[in-house]
């Protein structure tokens, strides 16, 4: 009796000792492996592909579950039902861990593919295109991995009844999907719109758009909506279907280059050629100008002023906005210092004689209206 008890304790001690030894070895192997991988990826890329961030935790879970699987046969005699339950739990945990690891691989693949496409580059047209497509493809791949993982969990059961219930569940899910698709038309339309956006590319990540009078950049494209970062740091949430069904402005559809205008309203006496030369001088001295387009033209005339349009180009819309403001300020300063009388004026003419109509009014006893005084030079801003 005593010998049997000692043998039982010895068996448990051996099993626990082997399990702890496997855990230590697994953690040591995990540490060394990811240390080497992190060093290698930093040598090649400088910033890495996110291997440790996305794969470290699922890999640790796989190593520990593998150790538990090796130790399970070493356990002392326990009820077969409990052994089967432990084996089933380890198998299900392994399937979930492998699915987790596969999702991490998707993120690593995305980091690897997108590291060559920098959104902060001067000409980021192709980078915005690739980032937009990868966001949608990543979600689709993760969805398939989750479905396969659920199927793998069902495969771990040997009971045919589980498969029978699973088949019924899948059939019910298909019917429910049709019902939900009919009821939730907006959700389905947004999903299909996401596919259209990924392939036709009306918008991309970091595109500059104007939607309902709001200027902003595409910050995020989700499966149901788009987040637009407004210039004053607000966020505009727009359904995906909006970009398919409605018109909007995309300032960076083909490139980020853009033209901008600044209007001046001055008197007819201002010398246009000198203002044109001053505009070229201002634009040439500013790093905001891309050295492509710079011109000044008289675009309209009214009874009091003439309209001057200053047309300039920049590499992107943010620089162009700042350049237009700079041109307005500098041109107004130049006109004020060199041609102070060239701002819009209102002129009045002196009347030397009483008009005939007023003489006739005076004959009928009406008081004539006095003539207006000369007020030349009265400025009107």
Protein backbone atom coordinates (compact mmCIF):
# COMPACT_ATOMS: atom_id res chain seq x y z
CA UNK A 1 0.00 0.00 0.00
CA UNK A 2 2.75 2.43 0.99
CA UNK A 3 4.77 1.49 -2.06
CA UNK A 4 1.77 2.19 -4.32
CA UNK A 5 1.27 5.61 -2.74
CA UNK A 6 4.93 6.47 -3.17
CA UNK A 7 4.81 5.30 -6.75
CA UNK A 8 1.73 7.49 -7.37
CA UNK A 9 3.41 10.55 -5.83
CA UNK A 10 6.56 9.82 -7.77
CA UNK A 11 4.59 9.70 -11.02
CA UNK A 12 2.95 13.08 -10.31
CA UNK A 13 6.27 14.62 -9.31
CA UNK A 14 7.86 13.35 -12.52
CA UNK A 15 5.02 14.74 -14.61
CA UNK A 16 5.13 18.15 -12.92
CA UNK A 17 8.91 18.29 -13.17
CA UNK A 18 8.87 17.43 -16.86
CA UNK A 19 6.11 19.98 -17.49
CA UNK A 20 8.06 22.76 -15.74
CA UNK A 21 11.21 21.79 -17.62
CA UNK A 22 9.32 21.96 -20.92
CA UNK A 23 7.92 25.39 -19.99
CA UNK A 24 11.38 26.72 -19.20
CA UNK A 25 12.79 25.33 -22.45
CA UNK A 26 9.85 26.68 -24.45
CA UNK A 27 10.23 30.17 -22.97
CA UNK A 28 13.99 30.09 -23.53
CA UNK A 29 13.55 28.98 -27.14
CA UNK A 30 10.85 31.63 -27.64
CA UNK A 31 13.07 34.38 -26.21
CA UNK A 32 16.11 33.43 -28.30
CA UNK A 33 14.09 32.96 -31.52
CA UNK A 34 12.32 36.31 -31.38
CA UNK A 35 15.45 38.06 -30.22
CA UNK A 36 17.23 36.85 -33.36
CA UNK A 37 14.26 37.70 -35.60
CA UNK A 38 14.00 41.21 -34.18
CA UNK A 39 17.71 41.81 -34.70
CA UNK A 40 17.55 40.56 -38.29
CA UNK A 41 14.56 42.67 -39.25
CA UNK A 42 16.07 45.80 -37.69
CA UNK A 43 19.27 45.24 -39.66
CA UNK A 44 17.31 45.04 -42.93
CA UNK A 45 14.57 47.61 -42.39
CA UNK A 46 15.60 49.77 -39.43
CA UNK A 47 12.08 49.83 -37.97
CA UNK A 48 11.05 46.18 -38.32
CA UNK A 49 7.97 44.43 -39.66
CA UNK A 50 6.17 43.96 -36.36
CA UNK A 51 7.15 40.29 -35.97
CA UNK A 52 7.54 40.53 -32.21
CA UNK A 53 4.46 42.70 -31.79
CA UNK A 54 2.12 40.48 -33.81
CA UNK A 55 3.59 36.96 -33.47
CA UNK A 56 5.24 36.84 -30.05
CA UNK A 57 2.13 36.13 -27.95
CA UNK A 58 0.48 33.52 -30.23
CA UNK A 59 3.85 31.76 -30.65
CA UNK A 60 4.27 31.59 -26.88
CA UNK A 61 0.80 30.06 -26.55
CA UNK A 62 1.63 27.46 -29.23
CA UNK A 63 4.90 26.54 -27.48
CA UNK A 64 3.20 26.13 -24.09
CA UNK A 65 0.36 24.04 -25.54
CA UNK A 66 2.90 21.85 -27.33
CA UNK A 67 4.70 21.28 -24.01
CA UNK A 68 1.41 20.38 -22.34
CA UNK A 69 0.73 17.88 -25.14
CA UNK A 70 4.10 16.19 -24.54
CA UNK A 71 3.50 16.00 -20.80
CA UNK A 72 -0.06 14.64 -21.01
CA UNK A 73 0.96 11.00 -21.66
CA UNK A 74 3.27 11.15 -18.62
CA UNK A 75 0.45 11.84 -16.20
CA UNK A 76 -0.49 9.07 -13.78
CA UNK A 77 -3.54 6.94 -14.29
CA UNK A 78 -6.59 9.24 -14.33
CA UNK A 79 -10.17 8.60 -15.48
CA UNK A 80 -10.38 8.21 -19.25
CA UNK A 81 -13.19 10.79 -19.47
CA UNK A 82 -10.98 13.40 -17.80
CA UNK A 83 -8.09 12.52 -20.12
CA UNK A 84 -10.33 12.92 -23.14
CA UNK A 85 -11.60 16.28 -21.89
CA UNK A 86 -8.06 17.56 -21.28
CA UNK A 87 -6.96 16.34 -24.70
CA UNK A 88 -9.99 18.01 -26.32
CA UNK A 89 -9.34 21.31 -24.50
CA UNK A 90 -5.65 21.31 -25.52
CA UNK A 91 -6.59 20.57 -29.13
CA UNK A 92 -9.15 23.38 -29.25
CA UNK A 93 -6.71 25.81 -27.62
CA UNK A 94 -4.09 24.82 -30.21
CA UNK A 95 -6.53 25.51 -33.09
CA UNK A 96 -7.37 28.93 -31.64
CA UNK A 97 -3.68 29.71 -31.13
CA UNK A 98 -2.88 28.74 -34.72
CA UNK A 99 -5.70 31.00 -35.95
CA UNK A 100 -4.31 33.80 -33.77
CA UNK A 101 -0.87 33.19 -35.23
CA UNK A 102 -2.27 33.26 -38.78
CA UNK A 103 -3.92 36.64 -38.11
CA UNK A 104 -0.58 37.91 -36.81
CA UNK A 105 1.05 36.72 -40.04
CA UNK A 106 -1.45 38.81 -42.00
CA UNK A 107 -0.43 41.92 -40.07
CA UNK A 108 3.27 41.12 -40.54
CA UNK A 109 2.73 40.65 -44.27
CA UNK A 110 0.96 44.01 -44.40
CA UNK A 111 3.84 45.73 -42.58
CA UNK A 112 6.32 44.04 -44.91
CA UNK A 113 4.48 45.14 -48.05
CA UNK A 114 3.69 48.68 -46.90
CA UNK A 115 7.14 49.58 -45.59
CA UNK A 116 8.14 50.71 -49.10
CA UNK A 117 5.13 53.00 -49.41
CA UNK A 118 5.49 56.02 -47.13
CA UNK A 119 2.42 58.21 -46.74
CA UNK A 120 4.63 61.11 -45.61
CA UNK A 121 6.54 61.21 -48.90
CA UNK A 122 6.21 64.23 -51.17
CA UNK A 123 4.62 62.19 -53.97
CA UNK A 124 2.57 59.59 -52.10
CA UNK A 125 0.06 58.79 -54.84
CA UNK A 126 0.97 55.09 -55.11
CA UNK A 127 1.43 54.77 -51.33
CA UNK A 128 -2.11 55.99 -50.69
CA UNK A 129 -3.41 53.54 -53.29
CA UNK A 130 -1.62 50.52 -51.78
CA UNK A 131 -2.53 51.44 -48.17
CA UNK A 132 -6.20 51.73 -49.09
CA UNK A 133 -6.31 48.36 -50.85
CA UNK A 134 -4.40 46.54 -48.13
CA UNK A 135 -6.78 47.72 -45.43
CA UNK A 136 -9.71 46.04 -47.16
CA UNK A 137 -7.77 42.90 -48.14
CA UNK A 138 -6.51 42.51 -44.57
CA UNK A 139 -10.05 42.52 -43.21
CA UNK A 140 -11.18 39.98 -45.82
CA UNK A 141 -8.25 37.65 -45.01
CA UNK A 142 -8.89 37.91 -41.27
CA UNK A 143 -12.55 37.07 -41.85
CA UNK A 144 -11.59 33.92 -43.78
CA UNK A 145 -9.10 32.92 -41.08
CA UNK A 146 -11.77 33.26 -38.39
CA UNK A 147 -14.16 31.10 -40.43
CA UNK A 148 -11.48 28.45 -40.99
CA UNK A 149 -10.60 28.52 -37.29
CA UNK A 150 -14.22 27.90 -36.36
CA UNK A 151 -14.28 25.02 -38.84
CA UNK A 152 -11.10 23.66 -37.26
CA UNK A 153 -12.74 23.77 -33.85
CA UNK A 154 -15.60 21.66 -35.21
CA UNK A 155 -13.11 19.19 -36.68
CA UNK A 156 -11.67 18.56 -33.22
CA UNK A 157 -14.89 16.85 -32.18
CA UNK A 158 -15.26 13.21 -33.12
CA UNK A 159 -18.95 13.12 -32.33
CA UNK A 160 -21.03 12.93 -35.56
CA UNK A 161 -23.82 14.80 -33.79
CA UNK A 162 -21.59 17.88 -33.61
CA UNK A 163 -21.24 17.79 -37.37
CA UNK A 164 -24.98 17.36 -37.74
CA UNK A 165 -25.65 20.39 -35.54
CA UNK A 166 -22.90 22.27 -37.30
CA UNK A 167 -24.40 21.58 -40.72
CA UNK A 168 -27.78 22.74 -39.47
CA UNK A 169 -26.17 25.80 -37.97
CA UNK A 170 -24.46 26.65 -41.27
CA UNK A 171 -27.70 26.17 -43.18
CA UNK A 172 -29.54 28.36 -40.68
CA UNK A 173 -26.76 30.92 -40.92
CA UNK A 174 -27.13 31.01 -44.72
CA UNK A 175 -30.87 31.61 -44.47
CA UNK A 176 -30.34 34.17 -41.72
CA UNK A 177 -27.75 35.91 -43.87
CA UNK A 178 -30.26 36.32 -46.69
CA UNK A 179 -32.84 37.70 -44.28
CA UNK A 180 -30.34 40.08 -42.71
CA UNK A 181 -29.07 41.15 -46.13
CA UNK A 182 -32.61 42.08 -47.10
CA UNK A 183 -33.30 43.88 -43.84
CA UNK A 184 -29.93 45.61 -43.53
CA UNK A 185 -29.64 47.06 -47.02
CA UNK A 186 -27.41 49.90 -45.88
CA UNK A 187 -24.88 47.51 -44.35
CA UNK A 188 -24.74 45.39 -47.49
CA UNK A 189 -24.48 48.46 -49.70
CA UNK A 190 -21.60 49.76 -47.58
CA UNK A 191 -19.81 46.42 -47.87
CA UNK A 192 -20.22 46.36 -51.65
CA UNK A 193 -19.20 50.01 -51.78
CA UNK A 194 -16.03 49.08 -49.91
CA UNK A 195 -15.18 46.55 -52.60
CA UNK A 196 -15.86 49.13 -55.30
CA UNK A 197 -13.68 51.70 -53.54
CA UNK A 198 -10.83 49.20 -53.24
CA UNK A 199 -10.83 48.46 -56.97
CA UNK A 200 -12.03 51.70 -58.59
CA UNK A 201 -10.22 53.95 -56.06
CA UNK A 202 -12.35 57.11 -55.92
CA UNK A 203 -10.69 57.77 -52.55
CA UNK A 204 -7.52 56.60 -50.88
CA UNK A 205 -5.89 56.98 -47.50
CA UNK A 206 -4.61 60.56 -47.02
CA UNK A 207 -6.60 61.92 -49.98
CA UNK A 208 -7.68 65.55 -49.69
CA UNK A 209 -11.44 65.79 -50.19
CA UNK A 210 -14.22 68.36 -49.87
CA UNK A 211 -17.50 66.83 -48.66
CA UNK A 212 -20.55 68.98 -47.99
CA UNK A 213 -18.36 72.06 -47.81
CA UNK A 214 -15.89 70.49 -45.35
CA UNK A 215 -12.20 70.27 -46.32
CA UNK A 216 -10.26 67.36 -44.88
CA UNK A 217 -8.11 64.28 -45.41
CA UNK A 218 -9.16 60.63 -45.56
CA UNK A 219 -7.84 59.29 -42.25
CA UNK A 220 -9.38 55.82 -42.12
CA UNK A 221 -11.46 53.55 -44.37
CA UNK A 222 -13.42 50.94 -42.44
CA UNK A 223 -15.77 48.26 -43.67
CA UNK A 224 -18.83 50.49 -43.12
CA UNK A 225 -17.67 54.11 -43.03
CA UNK A 226 -14.86 56.54 -43.79
CA UNK A 227 -13.28 58.86 -41.24
CA UNK A 228 -12.38 62.28 -42.69
CA UNK A 229 -10.05 64.44 -40.60
CA UNK A 230 -11.25 68.04 -40.96
CA UNK A 231 -8.66 70.85 -41.02
CA UNK A 232 -9.72 72.01 -37.52
CA UNK A 233 -9.17 68.45 -36.12
CA UNK A 234 -12.83 67.45 -36.17
CA UNK A 235 -13.76 64.06 -37.59
CA UNK A 236 -16.43 63.62 -40.25
CA UNK A 237 -17.92 60.11 -40.36
CA UNK A 238 -19.24 59.31 -43.83
CA UNK A 239 -20.84 55.98 -44.94
CA UNK A 240 -18.95 54.15 -47.68
CA UNK A 241 -21.98 54.21 -49.95
CA UNK A 242 -21.87 58.04 -49.97
CA UNK A 243 -18.70 58.02 -52.09
CA UNK A 244 -20.36 55.79 -54.69
CA UNK A 245 -23.76 57.49 -54.84
CA UNK A 246 -22.83 61.18 -54.45
CA UNK A 247 -20.45 63.69 -55.97
CA UNK A 248 -17.56 65.06 -53.96
CA UNK A 249 -14.27 66.83 -54.59
CA UNK A 250 -11.02 64.86 -54.52
CA UNK A 251 -8.06 67.22 -54.75
CA UNK A 252 -5.46 64.45 -54.92
CA UNK A 253 -7.09 61.96 -57.30
CA UNK A 254 -4.17 61.90 -59.76
CA UNK A 255 -1.57 63.99 -57.94
CA UNK A 256 -1.32 66.38 -55.02
CA UNK A 257 -0.36 69.36 -57.23
CA UNK A 258 -2.95 72.11 -57.12
CA UNK A 259 -3.63 75.64 -58.37
CA UNK A 260 -4.95 78.38 -56.11
CA UNK A 261 -6.18 81.96 -56.57
CA UNK A 262 -6.02 85.18 -54.60
CA UNK A 263 -8.23 88.07 -55.76
CA UNK A 264 -7.43 91.78 -55.43
CA UNK A 265 -9.89 94.63 -56.03
CA UNK A 266 -8.11 97.86 -56.91
CA UNK A 267 -8.69 101.15 -58.67
CA UNK A 268 -8.24 101.59 -62.42
CA UNK A 269 -5.16 103.73 -61.86
CA UNK A 270 -2.98 100.91 -60.49
CA UNK A 271 -0.20 99.74 -62.87
CA UNK A 272 -0.94 96.06 -63.58
CA UNK A 273 2.53 95.25 -64.95
CA UNK A 274 4.24 96.37 -61.75
CA UNK A 275 1.85 94.29 -59.65
CA UNK A 276 2.58 91.32 -61.90
CA UNK A 277 6.31 91.75 -61.33
CA UNK A 278 5.75 92.05 -57.57
CA UNK A 279 3.72 88.82 -57.57
CA UNK A 280 6.57 86.96 -59.30
CA UNK A 281 9.01 88.34 -56.74
CA UNK A 282 6.83 87.25 -53.80
CA UNK A 283 6.27 83.74 -55.19
CA UNK A 284 9.95 83.25 -56.07
CA UNK A 285 10.98 84.08 -52.52
CA UNK A 286 8.58 81.60 -50.92
CA UNK A 287 9.34 77.84 -50.48
CA UNK A 288 5.60 77.21 -50.74
CA UNK A 289 5.65 77.80 -54.52
CA UNK A 290 6.58 74.81 -56.70
CA UNK A 291 7.99 76.98 -59.55
CA UNK A 292 5.32 75.88 -62.07
CA UNK A 293 2.49 78.42 -62.35
CA UNK A 294 2.48 82.08 -61.31
CA UNK A 295 0.42 84.74 -63.10
CA UNK A 296 -1.65 87.86 -62.59
CA UNK A 297 -4.57 88.79 -64.85
CA UNK A 298 -7.44 91.29 -64.92
CA UNK A 299 -10.44 88.99 -64.73
CA UNK A 300 -13.31 91.44 -64.24
CA UNK A 301 -14.25 95.13 -64.34
CA UNK A 302 -16.97 96.97 -62.45
CA UNK A 303 -18.05 100.61 -62.25
CA UNK A 304 -15.62 101.26 -59.38
CA UNK A 305 -12.89 98.58 -59.38
CA UNK A 306 -11.05 96.05 -61.46
CA UNK A 307 -10.56 92.49 -60.28
CA UNK A 308 -7.04 91.03 -60.36
CA UNK A 309 -6.56 87.27 -60.06
CA UNK A 310 -3.26 85.98 -58.69
CA UNK A 311 -2.90 82.35 -59.84
CA UNK A 312 -0.18 80.23 -58.17
CA UNK A 313 0.62 76.52 -57.86
CA UNK A 314 1.93 74.38 -55.01
CA UNK A 315 2.84 70.76 -54.40
CA UNK A 316 -0.19 70.17 -52.14
CA UNK A 317 -3.33 71.93 -50.93
CA UNK A 318 -2.00 72.85 -47.48
CA UNK A 319 0.99 74.70 -48.94
CA UNK A 320 -1.23 76.34 -51.53
CA UNK A 321 -3.59 77.72 -48.90
CA UNK A 322 -0.67 79.24 -46.98
CA UNK A 323 0.80 80.64 -50.20
CA UNK A 324 -2.48 82.31 -51.17
CA UNK A 325 -2.72 83.96 -47.76
CA UNK A 326 0.89 85.11 -48.04
CA UNK A 327 0.25 86.64 -51.48
CA UNK A 328 -2.82 88.54 -50.26
CA UNK A 329 -0.93 90.03 -47.33
CA UNK A 330 2.19 90.90 -49.33
CA UNK A 331 0.31 92.41 -52.28
CA UNK A 332 -1.88 94.57 -50.04
CA UNK A 333 1.23 95.80 -48.23
CA UNK A 334 2.93 96.61 -51.54
CA UNK A 335 -0.09 98.54 -52.85
CA UNK A 336 -0.50 100.47 -49.60
CA UNK A 337 3.17 101.50 -49.53
CA UNK A 338 3.61 102.34 -53.23
CA UNK A 339 0.13 103.19 -54.54
CA UNK A 340 -1.96 104.32 -51.56
CA UNK A 341 -4.54 105.94 -53.85
CA UNK A 342 -5.05 102.78 -55.87
CA UNK A 343 -7.50 101.19 -53.47
CA UNK A 344 -11.14 101.25 -54.58
CA UNK A 345 -12.58 104.78 -54.50
CA UNK A 346 -16.02 106.33 -54.90
CA UNK A 347 -16.08 109.45 -57.10
CA UNK A 348 -18.58 112.34 -57.05
CA UNK A 349 -18.91 115.00 -59.77
CA UNK A 350 -19.77 118.69 -59.11
CA UNK A 351 -22.91 120.06 -60.81
CA UNK A 352 -22.40 123.67 -62.00
CA UNK A 353 -25.97 124.42 -63.17
CA UNK A 354 -29.42 123.48 -61.95
CA UNK A 355 -30.89 120.86 -64.25
CA UNK A 356 -33.95 121.75 -66.32
CA UNK A 357 -36.07 119.34 -64.38
CA UNK A 358 -35.28 121.13 -61.14
CA UNK A 359 -36.10 124.53 -62.70
CA UNK A 360 -39.51 123.22 -63.67
CA UNK A 361 -40.02 121.93 -60.15
CA UNK A 362 -39.16 125.35 -58.75
CA UNK A 363 -41.78 126.96 -61.00
CA UNK A 364 -44.44 124.80 -59.35
CA UNK A 365 -43.33 125.89 -55.85
CA UNK A 366 -41.05 122.99 -55.06
CA UNK A 367 -37.70 123.57 -53.37
CA UNK A 368 -34.67 122.61 -55.50
CA UNK A 369 -32.21 120.09 -54.14
CA UNK A 370 -28.70 121.60 -53.56
CA UNK A 371 -25.89 120.20 -55.69
CA UNK A 372 -23.47 117.66 -54.22
CA UNK A 373 -20.00 118.81 -53.16
CA UNK A 374 -16.85 117.41 -54.70
CA UNK A 375 -15.47 114.57 -52.61
CA UNK A 376 -12.74 113.16 -54.76
CA UNK A 377 -10.21 110.86 -53.11
CA UNK A 378 -12.69 109.36 -50.60
CA UNK A 379 -11.43 105.81 -50.07
CA UNK A 380 -13.81 102.88 -49.74
CA UNK A 381 -12.41 99.60 -48.39
